[in-house]
mmCIF file of all heavy atoms, coordinates in Angstrom:
data_MODEL
# 
_entry.id   MODEL 
# 
loop_
_atom_site.group_PDB 
_atom_site.id 
_atom_site.type_symbol 
_atom_site.label_atom_id 
_atom_site.label_alt_id 
_atom_site.label_comp_id 
_atom_site.label_asym_id 
_atom_site.label_entity_id 
_atom_site.label_seq_id 
_atom_site.pdbx_PDB_ins_code 
_atom_site.Cartn_x 
_atom_site.Cartn_y 
_atom_site.Cartn_z 
_atom_site.occupancy 
_atom_site.B_iso_or_equiv 
_atom_site.pdbx_formal_charge 
_atom_site.auth_seq_id 
_atom_site.auth_comp_id 
_atom_site.auth_asym_id 
_atom_site.auth_atom_id 
_atom_site.pdbx_PDB_model_num 
ATOM 1   N N   . LYS A 1 1  ? -15.402 -29.724 -125.910 1.00 0.00 ? 1  LYS A N   1 
ATOM 2   C CA  . LYS A 1 1  ? -15.806 -28.635 -126.794 1.00 0.00 ? 1  LYS A CA  1 
ATOM 3   C C   . LYS A 1 1  ? -14.899 -28.518 -128.015 1.00 0.00 ? 1  LYS A C   1 
ATOM 4   O O   . LYS A 1 1  ? -15.201 -27.781 -128.941 1.00 0.00 ? 1  LYS A O   1 
ATOM 5   C CB  . LYS A 1 1  ? -15.780 -27.302 -126.032 1.00 0.00 ? 1  LYS A CB  1 
ATOM 6   C CG  . LYS A 1 1  ? -16.769 -27.213 -124.878 1.00 0.00 ? 1  LYS A CG  1 
ATOM 7   C CD  . LYS A 1 1  ? -16.739 -25.817 -124.260 1.00 0.00 ? 1  LYS A CD  1 
ATOM 8   C CE  . LYS A 1 1  ? -17.764 -25.671 -123.127 1.00 0.00 ? 1  LYS A CE  1 
ATOM 9   N NZ  . LYS A 1 1  ? -17.412 -26.513 -121.972 1.00 0.00 ? 1  LYS A NZ  1 
ATOM 10  N N   . HIS A 1 2  ? -13.790 -29.269 -128.005 1.00 0.00 ? 2  HIS A N   1 
ATOM 11  C CA  . HIS A 1 2  ? -12.835 -29.160 -129.107 1.00 0.00 ? 2  HIS A CA  1 
ATOM 12  C C   . HIS A 1 2  ? -12.503 -30.541 -129.673 1.00 0.00 ? 2  HIS A C   1 
ATOM 13  O O   . HIS A 1 2  ? -11.353 -30.825 -130.012 1.00 0.00 ? 2  HIS A O   1 
ATOM 14  C CB  . HIS A 1 2  ? -11.556 -28.472 -128.629 1.00 0.00 ? 2  HIS A CB  1 
ATOM 15  C CG  . HIS A 1 2  ? -11.795 -27.185 -127.914 1.00 0.00 ? 2  HIS A CG  1 
ATOM 16  N ND1 . HIS A 1 2  ? -12.028 -26.000 -128.573 1.00 0.00 ? 2  HIS A ND1 1 
ATOM 17  C CD2 . HIS A 1 2  ? -11.865 -26.902 -126.581 1.00 0.00 ? 2  HIS A CD2 1 
ATOM 18  C CE1 . HIS A 1 2  ? -12.211 -25.039 -127.687 1.00 0.00 ? 2  HIS A CE1 1 
ATOM 19  N NE2 . HIS A 1 2  ? -12.118 -25.562 -126.477 1.00 0.00 ? 2  HIS A NE2 1 
ATOM 20  N N   . GLU A 1 3  ? -13.512 -31.411 -129.752 1.00 0.00 ? 3  GLU A N   1 
ATOM 21  C CA  . GLU A 1 3  ? -13.285 -32.787 -130.179 1.00 0.00 ? 3  GLU A CA  1 
ATOM 22  C C   . GLU A 1 3  ? -12.621 -32.832 -131.551 1.00 0.00 ? 3  GLU A C   1 
ATOM 23  O O   . GLU A 1 3  ? -13.048 -32.189 -132.504 1.00 0.00 ? 3  GLU A O   1 
ATOM 24  C CB  . GLU A 1 3  ? -14.601 -33.554 -130.217 1.00 0.00 ? 3  GLU A CB  1 
ATOM 25  C CG  . GLU A 1 3  ? -14.421 -35.054 -130.462 1.00 0.00 ? 3  GLU A CG  1 
ATOM 26  C CD  . GLU A 1 3  ? -15.711 -35.820 -130.324 1.00 0.00 ? 3  GLU A CD  1 
ATOM 27  O OE1 . GLU A 1 3  ? -16.753 -35.190 -129.997 1.00 0.00 ? 3  GLU A OE1 1 
ATOM 28  O OE2 . GLU A 1 3  ? -15.693 -37.045 -130.536 1.00 0.00 ? 3  GLU A OE2 1 
ATOM 29  N N   . GLY A 1 4  ? -11.545 -33.630 -131.631 1.00 0.00 ? 4  GLY A N   1 
ATOM 30  C CA  . GLY A 1 4  ? -10.843 -33.791 -132.890 1.00 0.00 ? 4  GLY A CA  1 
ATOM 31  C C   . GLY A 1 4  ? -9.815  -32.730 -133.187 1.00 0.00 ? 4  GLY A C   1 
ATOM 32  O O   . GLY A 1 4  ? -9.020  -32.874 -134.119 1.00 0.00 ? 4  GLY A O   1 
ATOM 33  N N   . GLU A 1 5  ? -9.780  -31.642 -132.427 1.00 0.00 ? 5  GLU A N   1 
ATOM 34  C CA  . GLU A 1 5  ? -8.796  -30.596 -132.659 1.00 0.00 ? 5  GLU A CA  1 
ATOM 35  C C   . GLU A 1 5  ? -7.428  -31.047 -132.151 1.00 0.00 ? 5  GLU A C   1 
ATOM 36  O O   . GLU A 1 5  ? -7.318  -31.741 -131.147 1.00 0.00 ? 5  GLU A O   1 
ATOM 37  C CB  . GLU A 1 5  ? -9.193  -29.294 -131.962 1.00 0.00 ? 5  GLU A CB  1 
ATOM 38  C CG  . GLU A 1 5  ? -10.437 -28.634 -132.537 1.00 0.00 ? 5  GLU A CG  1 
ATOM 39  C CD  . GLU A 1 5  ? -10.727 -27.314 -131.846 1.00 0.00 ? 5  GLU A CD  1 
ATOM 40  O OE1 . GLU A 1 5  ? -9.830  -26.788 -131.142 1.00 0.00 ? 5  GLU A OE1 1 
ATOM 41  O OE2 . GLU A 1 5  ? -11.862 -26.815 -132.001 1.00 0.00 ? 5  GLU A OE2 1 
ATOM 42  N N   . ARG A 1 6  ? -6.383  -30.680 -132.859 1.00 0.00 ? 6  ARG A N   1 
ATOM 43  C CA  . ARG A 1 6  ? -5.040  -31.018 -132.417 1.00 0.00 ? 6  ARG A CA  1 
ATOM 44  C C   . ARG A 1 6  ? -4.593  -30.046 -131.333 1.00 0.00 ? 6  ARG A C   1 
ATOM 45  O O   . ARG A 1 6  ? -4.886  -28.853 -131.380 1.00 0.00 ? 6  ARG A O   1 
ATOM 46  C CB  . ARG A 1 6  ? -4.072  -30.996 -133.599 1.00 0.00 ? 6  ARG A CB  1 
ATOM 47  C CG  . ARG A 1 6  ? -4.469  -31.974 -134.705 1.00 0.00 ? 6  ARG A CG  1 
ATOM 48  C CD  . ARG A 1 6  ? -3.457  -32.001 -135.819 1.00 0.00 ? 6  ARG A CD  1 
ATOM 49  N NE  . ARG A 1 6  ? -2.239  -32.679 -135.442 1.00 0.00 ? 6  ARG A NE  1 
ATOM 50  C CZ  . ARG A 1 6  ? -2.064  -33.985 -135.466 1.00 0.00 ? 6  ARG A CZ  1 
ATOM 51  N NH1 . ARG A 1 6  ? -3.044  -34.764 -135.848 1.00 0.00 ? 6  ARG A NH1 1 
ATOM 52  N NH2 . ARG A 1 6  ? -0.919  -34.530 -135.125 1.00 0.00 ? 6  ARG A NH2 1 
ATOM 53  N N   . ALA A 1 7  ? -3.880  -30.568 -130.350 1.00 0.00 ? 7  ALA A N   1 
ATOM 54  C CA  . ALA A 1 7  ? -3.470  -29.763 -129.200 1.00 0.00 ? 7  ALA A CA  1 
ATOM 55  C C   . ALA A 1 7  ? -2.051  -29.230 -129.351 1.00 0.00 ? 7  ALA A C   1 
ATOM 56  O O   . ALA A 1 7  ? -1.431  -28.839 -128.381 1.00 0.00 ? 7  ALA A O   1 
ATOM 57  C CB  . ALA A 1 7  ? -3.571  -30.598 -127.925 1.00 0.00 ? 7  ALA A CB  1 
ATOM 58  N N   . GLU A 1 8  ? -1.515  -29.249 -130.559 1.00 0.00 ? 8  GLU A N   1 
ATOM 59  C CA  . GLU A 1 8  ? -0.149  -28.801 -130.775 1.00 0.00 ? 8  GLU A CA  1 
ATOM 60  C C   . GLU A 1 8  ? -0.059  -27.283 -130.696 1.00 0.00 ? 8  GLU A C   1 
ATOM 61  O O   . GLU A 1 8  ? -1.050  -26.568 -130.844 1.00 0.00 ? 8  GLU A O   1 
ATOM 62  C CB  . GLU A 1 8  ? 0.351   -29.272 -132.144 1.00 0.00 ? 8  GLU A CB  1 
ATOM 63  C CG  . GLU A 1 8  ? 0.411   -30.787 -132.262 1.00 0.00 ? 8  GLU A CG  1 
ATOM 64  C CD  . GLU A 1 8  ? 0.056   -31.280 -133.616 1.00 0.00 ? 8  GLU A CD  1 
ATOM 65  O OE1 . GLU A 1 8  ? -0.560  -30.502 -134.383 1.00 0.00 ? 8  GLU A OE1 1 
ATOM 66  O OE2 . GLU A 1 8  ? 0.333   -32.447 -133.922 1.00 0.00 ? 8  GLU A OE2 1 
ATOM 67  N N   . GLY A 1 9  ? 1.146   -26.814 -130.513 1.00 0.00 ? 9  GLY A N   1 
ATOM 68  C CA  . GLY A 1 9  ? 1.371   -25.373 -130.484 1.00 0.00 ? 9  GLY A CA  1 
ATOM 69  C C   . GLY A 1 9  ? 2.138   -24.973 -129.258 1.00 0.00 ? 9  GLY A C   1 
ATOM 70  O O   . GLY A 1 9  ? 3.209   -25.501 -128.993 1.00 0.00 ? 9  GLY A O   1 
ATOM 71  N N   . LYS A 1 10 ? 1.584   -24.074 -128.484 1.00 0.00 ? 10 LYS A N   1 
ATOM 72  C CA  . LYS A 1 10 ? 2.286   -23.583 -127.310 1.00 0.00 ? 10 LYS A CA  1 
ATOM 73  C C   . LYS A 1 10 ? 2.332   -24.648 -126.214 1.00 0.00 ? 10 LYS A C   1 
ATOM 74  O O   . LYS A 1 10 ? 1.418   -25.460 -126.071 1.00 0.00 ? 10 LYS A O   1 
ATOM 75  C CB  . LYS A 1 10 ? 1.629   -22.303 -126.815 1.00 0.00 ? 10 LYS A CB  1 
ATOM 76  C CG  . LYS A 1 10 ? 1.761   -21.140 -127.793 1.00 0.00 ? 10 LYS A CG  1 
ATOM 77  C CD  . LYS A 1 10 ? 1.171   -19.869 -127.243 1.00 0.00 ? 10 LYS A CD  1 
ATOM 78  C CE  . LYS A 1 10 ? 1.372   -18.716 -128.216 1.00 0.00 ? 10 LYS A CE  1 
ATOM 79  N NZ  . LYS A 1 10 ? 0.813   -17.444 -127.702 1.00 0.00 ? 10 LYS A NZ  1 
ATOM 80  N N   . ARG A 1 11 ? 3.410   -24.605 -125.461 1.00 0.00 ? 11 ARG A N   1 
ATOM 81  C CA  . ARG A 1 11 ? 3.648   -25.621 -124.437 1.00 0.00 ? 11 ARG A CA  1 
ATOM 82  C C   . ARG A 1 11 ? 4.271   -25.006 -123.207 1.00 0.00 ? 11 ARG A C   1 
ATOM 83  O O   . ARG A 1 11 ? 4.804   -23.900 -123.250 1.00 0.00 ? 11 ARG A O   1 
ATOM 84  C CB  . ARG A 1 11 ? 4.606   -26.698 -124.974 1.00 0.00 ? 11 ARG A CB  1 
ATOM 85  C CG  . ARG A 1 11 ? 4.078   -27.503 -126.110 1.00 0.00 ? 11 ARG A CG  1 
ATOM 86  C CD  . ARG A 1 11 ? 5.100   -27.747 -127.181 1.00 0.00 ? 11 ARG A CD  1 
ATOM 87  N NE  . ARG A 1 11 ? 6.290   -28.424 -126.680 1.00 0.00 ? 11 ARG A NE  1 
ATOM 88  C CZ  . ARG A 1 11 ? 7.362   -28.704 -127.409 1.00 0.00 ? 11 ARG A CZ  1 
ATOM 89  N NH1 . ARG A 1 11 ? 7.412   -28.375 -128.670 1.00 0.00 ? 11 ARG A NH1 1 
ATOM 90  N NH2 . ARG A 1 11 ? 8.401   -29.311 -126.876 1.00 0.00 ? 11 ARG A NH2 1 
ATOM 91  N N   . ILE A 1 12 ? 4.186   -25.712 -122.105 1.00 0.00 ? 12 ILE A N   1 
ATOM 92  C CA  . ILE A 1 12 ? 4.996   -25.430 -120.929 1.00 0.00 ? 12 ILE A CA  1 
ATOM 93  C C   . ILE A 1 12 ? 6.108   -26.463 -120.916 1.00 0.00 ? 12 ILE A C   1 
ATOM 94  O O   . ILE A 1 12 ? 5.849   -27.667 -120.789 1.00 0.00 ? 12 ILE A O   1 
ATOM 95  C CB  . ILE A 1 12 ? 4.168   -25.499 -119.639 1.00 0.00 ? 12 ILE A CB  1 
ATOM 96  C CG1 . ILE A 1 12 ? 3.158   -24.359 -119.612 1.00 0.00 ? 12 ILE A CG1 1 
ATOM 97  C CG2 . ILE A 1 12 ? 5.086   -25.414 -118.417 1.00 0.00 ? 12 ILE A CG2 1 
ATOM 98  C CD1 . ILE A 1 12 ? 2.262   -24.356 -118.390 1.00 0.00 ? 12 ILE A CD1 1 
ATOM 99  N N   . LEU A 1 13 ? 7.340   -26.029 -121.087 1.00 0.00 ? 13 LEU A N   1 
ATOM 100 C CA  . LEU A 1 13 ? 8.449   -26.952 -121.264 1.00 0.00 ? 13 LEU A CA  1 
ATOM 101 C C   . LEU A 1 13 ? 8.784   -27.684 -119.971 1.00 0.00 ? 13 LEU A C   1 
ATOM 102 O O   . LEU A 1 13 ? 8.829   -27.083 -118.891 1.00 0.00 ? 13 LEU A O   1 
ATOM 103 C CB  . LEU A 1 13 ? 9.677   -26.207 -121.772 1.00 0.00 ? 13 LEU A CB  1 
ATOM 104 C CG  . LEU A 1 13 ? 9.535   -25.549 -123.151 1.00 0.00 ? 13 LEU A CG  1 
ATOM 105 C CD1 . LEU A 1 13 ? 10.833  -24.868 -123.543 1.00 0.00 ? 13 LEU A CD1 1 
ATOM 106 C CD2 . LEU A 1 13 ? 9.127   -26.571 -124.195 1.00 0.00 ? 13 LEU A CD2 1 
ATOM 107 N N   . SER A 1 14 ? 9.019   -28.983 -120.104 1.00 0.00 ? 14 SER A N   1 
ATOM 108 C CA  . SER A 1 14 ? 9.435   -29.804 -118.972 1.00 0.00 ? 14 SER A CA  1 
ATOM 109 C C   . SER A 1 14 ? 10.904  -30.207 -119.084 1.00 0.00 ? 14 SER A C   1 
ATOM 110 O O   . SER A 1 14 ? 11.436  -30.863 -118.199 1.00 0.00 ? 14 SER A O   1 
ATOM 111 C CB  . SER A 1 14 ? 8.561   -31.061 -118.887 1.00 0.00 ? 14 SER A CB  1 
ATOM 112 O OG  . SER A 1 14 ? 8.672   -31.840 -120.080 1.00 0.00 ? 14 SER A OG  1 
ATOM 113 N N   . THR A 1 15 ? 11.539  -29.826 -120.182 1.00 0.00 ? 15 THR A N   1 
ATOM 114 C CA  . THR A 1 15 ? 12.960  -30.053 -120.370 1.00 0.00 ? 15 THR A CA  1 
ATOM 115 C C   . THR A 1 15 ? 13.757  -28.924 -119.728 1.00 0.00 ? 15 THR A C   1 
ATOM 116 O O   . THR A 1 15 ? 13.188  -27.881 -119.383 1.00 0.00 ? 15 THR A O   1 
ATOM 117 C CB  . THR A 1 15 ? 13.288  -30.101 -121.871 1.00 0.00 ? 15 THR A CB  1 
ATOM 118 O OG1 . THR A 1 15 ? 12.782  -28.903 -122.491 1.00 0.00 ? 15 THR A OG1 1 
ATOM 119 C CG2 . THR A 1 15 ? 12.654  -31.309 -122.531 1.00 0.00 ? 15 THR A CG2 1 
ATOM 120 N N   . PRO A 1 16 ? 15.056  -29.098 -119.563 1.00 0.00 ? 16 PRO A N   1 
ATOM 121 C CA  . PRO A 1 16 ? 15.889  -27.951 -119.190 1.00 0.00 ? 16 PRO A CA  1 
ATOM 122 C C   . PRO A 1 16 ? 15.676  -26.818 -120.189 1.00 0.00 ? 16 PRO A C   1 
ATOM 123 O O   . PRO A 1 16 ? 15.314  -27.064 -121.347 1.00 0.00 ? 16 PRO A O   1 
ATOM 124 C CB  . PRO A 1 16 ? 17.314  -28.513 -119.263 1.00 0.00 ? 16 PRO A CB  1 
ATOM 125 C CG  . PRO A 1 16 ? 17.151  -29.973 -119.003 1.00 0.00 ? 16 PRO A CG  1 
ATOM 126 C CD  . PRO A 1 16 ? 15.851  -30.345 -119.648 1.00 0.00 ? 16 PRO A CD  1 
ATOM 127 N N   . PRO A 1 17 ? 15.926  -25.567 -119.788 1.00 0.00 ? 17 PRO A N   1 
ATOM 128 C CA  . PRO A 1 17 ? 15.500  -24.427 -120.607 1.00 0.00 ? 17 PRO A CA  1 
ATOM 129 C C   . PRO A 1 17 ? 16.188  -24.305 -121.959 1.00 0.00 ? 17 PRO A C   1 
ATOM 130 O O   . PRO A 1 17 ? 15.681  -23.597 -122.839 1.00 0.00 ? 17 PRO A O   1 
ATOM 131 C CB  . PRO A 1 17 ? 15.834  -23.217 -119.717 1.00 0.00 ? 17 PRO A CB  1 
ATOM 132 C CG  . PRO A 1 17 ? 16.879  -23.711 -118.753 1.00 0.00 ? 17 PRO A CG  1 
ATOM 133 C CD  . PRO A 1 17 ? 16.547  -25.142 -118.515 1.00 0.00 ? 17 PRO A CD  1 
ATOM 134 N N   . HIS A 1 18 ? 17.315  -24.991 -122.163 1.00 0.00 ? 18 HIS A N   1 
ATOM 135 C CA  . HIS A 1 18 ? 18.082  -24.775 -123.386 1.00 0.00 ? 18 HIS A CA  1 
ATOM 136 C C   . HIS A 1 18 ? 17.749  -25.736 -124.521 1.00 0.00 ? 18 HIS A C   1 
ATOM 137 O O   . HIS A 1 18 ? 18.219  -25.534 -125.642 1.00 0.00 ? 18 HIS A O   1 
ATOM 138 C CB  . HIS A 1 18 ? 19.585  -24.832 -123.091 1.00 0.00 ? 18 HIS A CB  1 
ATOM 139 C CG  . HIS A 1 18 ? 20.029  -26.126 -122.483 1.00 0.00 ? 18 HIS A CG  1 
ATOM 140 N ND1 . HIS A 1 18 ? 19.783  -26.428 -121.185 1.00 0.00 ? 18 HIS A ND1 1 
ATOM 141 C CD2 . HIS A 1 18 ? 20.692  -27.192 -122.999 1.00 0.00 ? 18 HIS A CD2 1 
ATOM 142 C CE1 . HIS A 1 18 ? 20.280  -27.620 -120.905 1.00 0.00 ? 18 HIS A CE1 1 
ATOM 143 N NE2 . HIS A 1 18 ? 20.822  -28.114 -121.999 1.00 0.00 ? 18 HIS A NE2 1 
ATOM 144 N N   . TYR A 1 19 ? 16.970  -26.780 -124.281 1.00 0.00 ? 19 TYR A N   1 
ATOM 145 C CA  . TYR A 1 19 ? 16.591  -27.643 -125.404 1.00 0.00 ? 19 TYR A CA  1 
ATOM 146 C C   . TYR A 1 19 ? 15.125  -28.036 -125.309 1.00 0.00 ? 19 TYR A C   1 
ATOM 147 O O   . TYR A 1 19 ? 14.524  -28.042 -124.236 1.00 0.00 ? 19 TYR A O   1 
ATOM 148 C CB  . TYR A 1 19 ? 17.493  -28.879 -125.522 1.00 0.00 ? 19 TYR A CB  1 
ATOM 149 C CG  . TYR A 1 19 ? 17.294  -29.956 -124.464 1.00 0.00 ? 19 TYR A CG  1 
ATOM 150 C CD1 . TYR A 1 19 ? 16.288  -30.905 -124.584 1.00 0.00 ? 19 TYR A CD1 1 
ATOM 151 C CD2 . TYR A 1 19 ? 18.153  -30.042 -123.377 1.00 0.00 ? 19 TYR A CD2 1 
ATOM 152 C CE1 . TYR A 1 19 ? 16.127  -31.910 -123.640 1.00 0.00 ? 19 TYR A CE1 1 
ATOM 153 C CE2 . TYR A 1 19 ? 18.000  -31.033 -122.419 1.00 0.00 ? 19 TYR A CE2 1 
ATOM 154 C CZ  . TYR A 1 19 ? 16.975  -31.969 -122.562 1.00 0.00 ? 19 TYR A CZ  1 
ATOM 155 O OH  . TYR A 1 19 ? 16.811  -32.966 -121.609 1.00 0.00 ? 19 TYR A OH  1 
ATOM 156 N N   . ALA A 1 20 ? 14.565  -28.367 -126.467 1.00 0.00 ? 20 ALA A N   1 
ATOM 157 C CA  . ALA A 1 20 ? 13.169  -28.780 -126.538 1.00 0.00 ? 20 ALA A CA  1 
ATOM 158 C C   . ALA A 1 20 ? 12.977  -29.654 -127.767 1.00 0.00 ? 20 ALA A C   1 
ATOM 159 O O   . ALA A 1 20 ? 13.780  -29.629 -128.709 1.00 0.00 ? 20 ALA A O   1 
ATOM 160 C CB  . ALA A 1 20 ? 12.237  -27.566 -126.602 1.00 0.00 ? 20 ALA A CB  1 
ATOM 161 N N   . TYR A 1 21 ? 11.895  -30.426 -127.743 1.00 0.00 ? 21 TYR A N   1 
ATOM 162 C CA  . TYR A 1 21 ? 11.540  -31.298 -128.858 1.00 0.00 ? 21 TYR A CA  1 
ATOM 163 C C   . TYR A 1 21 ? 10.460  -30.645 -129.710 1.00 0.00 ? 21 TYR A C   1 
ATOM 164 O O   . TYR A 1 21 ? 9.538   -30.021 -129.195 1.00 0.00 ? 21 TYR A O   1 
ATOM 165 C CB  . TYR A 1 21 ? 11.049  -32.651 -128.347 1.00 0.00 ? 21 TYR A CB  1 
ATOM 166 C CG  . TYR A 1 21 ? 12.083  -33.404 -127.548 1.00 0.00 ? 21 TYR A CG  1 
ATOM 167 C CD1 . TYR A 1 21 ? 12.131  -33.293 -126.164 1.00 0.00 ? 21 TYR A CD1 1 
ATOM 168 C CD2 . TYR A 1 21 ? 13.026  -34.199 -128.179 1.00 0.00 ? 21 TYR A CD2 1 
ATOM 169 C CE1 . TYR A 1 21 ? 13.088  -33.970 -125.426 1.00 0.00 ? 21 TYR A CE1 1 
ATOM 170 C CE2 . TYR A 1 21 ? 13.984  -34.888 -127.447 1.00 0.00 ? 21 TYR A CE2 1 
ATOM 171 C CZ  . TYR A 1 21 ? 14.009  -34.768 -126.072 1.00 0.00 ? 21 TYR A CZ  1 
ATOM 172 O OH  . TYR A 1 21 ? 14.959  -35.439 -125.347 1.00 0.00 ? 21 TYR A OH  1 
ATOM 173 N N   . LEU A 1 22 ? 10.573  -30.818 -131.014 1.00 0.00 ? 22 LEU A N   1 
ATOM 174 C CA  . LEU A 1 22 ? 9.555   -30.366 -131.952 1.00 0.00 ? 22 LEU A CA  1 
ATOM 175 C C   . LEU A 1 22 ? 9.015   -31.596 -132.670 1.00 0.00 ? 22 LEU A C   1 
ATOM 176 O O   . LEU A 1 22 ? 9.713   -32.197 -133.490 1.00 0.00 ? 22 LEU A O   1 
ATOM 177 C CB  . LEU A 1 22 ? 10.144  -29.373 -132.953 1.00 0.00 ? 22 LEU A CB  1 
ATOM 178 C CG  . LEU A 1 22 ? 9.151   -28.793 -133.982 1.00 0.00 ? 22 LEU A CG  1 
ATOM 179 C CD1 . LEU A 1 22 ? 8.111   -27.921 -133.298 1.00 0.00 ? 22 LEU A CD1 1 
ATOM 180 C CD2 . LEU A 1 22 ? 9.887   -27.992 -135.062 1.00 0.00 ? 22 LEU A CD2 1 
ATOM 181 N N   . LYS A 1 23 ? 7.780   -31.973 -132.345 1.00 0.00 ? 23 LYS A N   1 
ATOM 182 C CA  . LYS A 1 23 ? 7.172   -33.148 -132.964 1.00 0.00 ? 23 LYS A CA  1 
ATOM 183 C C   . LYS A 1 23 ? 6.584   -32.747 -134.304 1.00 0.00 ? 23 LYS A C   1 
ATOM 184 O O   . LYS A 1 23 ? 5.614   -32.013 -134.377 1.00 0.00 ? 23 LYS A O   1 
ATOM 185 C CB  . LYS A 1 23 ? 6.109   -33.755 -132.052 1.00 0.00 ? 23 LYS A CB  1 
ATOM 186 C CG  . LYS A 1 23 ? 5.550   -35.067 -132.590 1.00 0.00 ? 23 LYS A CG  1 
ATOM 187 C CD  . LYS A 1 23 ? 4.828   -35.892 -131.541 1.00 0.00 ? 23 LYS A CD  1 
ATOM 188 C CE  . LYS A 1 23 ? 3.569   -35.255 -131.063 1.00 0.00 ? 23 LYS A CE  1 
ATOM 189 N NZ  . LYS A 1 23 ? 2.740   -36.192 -130.221 1.00 0.00 ? 23 LYS A NZ  1 
ATOM 190 N N   . ILE A 1 24 ? 7.166   -33.270 -135.383 1.00 0.00 ? 24 ILE A N   1 
ATOM 191 C CA  . ILE A 1 24 ? 6.807   -32.818 -136.723 1.00 0.00 ? 24 ILE A CA  1 
ATOM 192 C C   . ILE A 1 24 ? 5.709   -33.662 -137.359 1.00 0.00 ? 24 ILE A C   1 
ATOM 193 O O   . ILE A 1 24 ? 5.177   -33.287 -138.409 1.00 0.00 ? 24 ILE A O   1 
ATOM 194 C CB  . ILE A 1 24 ? 8.042   -32.763 -137.648 1.00 0.00 ? 24 ILE A CB  1 
ATOM 195 C CG1 . ILE A 1 24 ? 8.599   -34.152 -137.916 1.00 0.00 ? 24 ILE A CG1 1 
ATOM 196 C CG2 . ILE A 1 24 ? 9.124   -31.872 -137.028 1.00 0.00 ? 24 ILE A CG2 1 
ATOM 197 C CD1 . ILE A 1 24 ? 9.725   -34.168 -138.961 1.00 0.00 ? 24 ILE A CD1 1 
# 
C-alpha cells in the first residue's frame, strides 16, 4: 500500500541505548 515510499524516520533501536546511527 506504500510502494516507493521511504521507510526512514522512527525506529526501534538495536544498538546499546547511548548511541545510534543516522543514515543521511
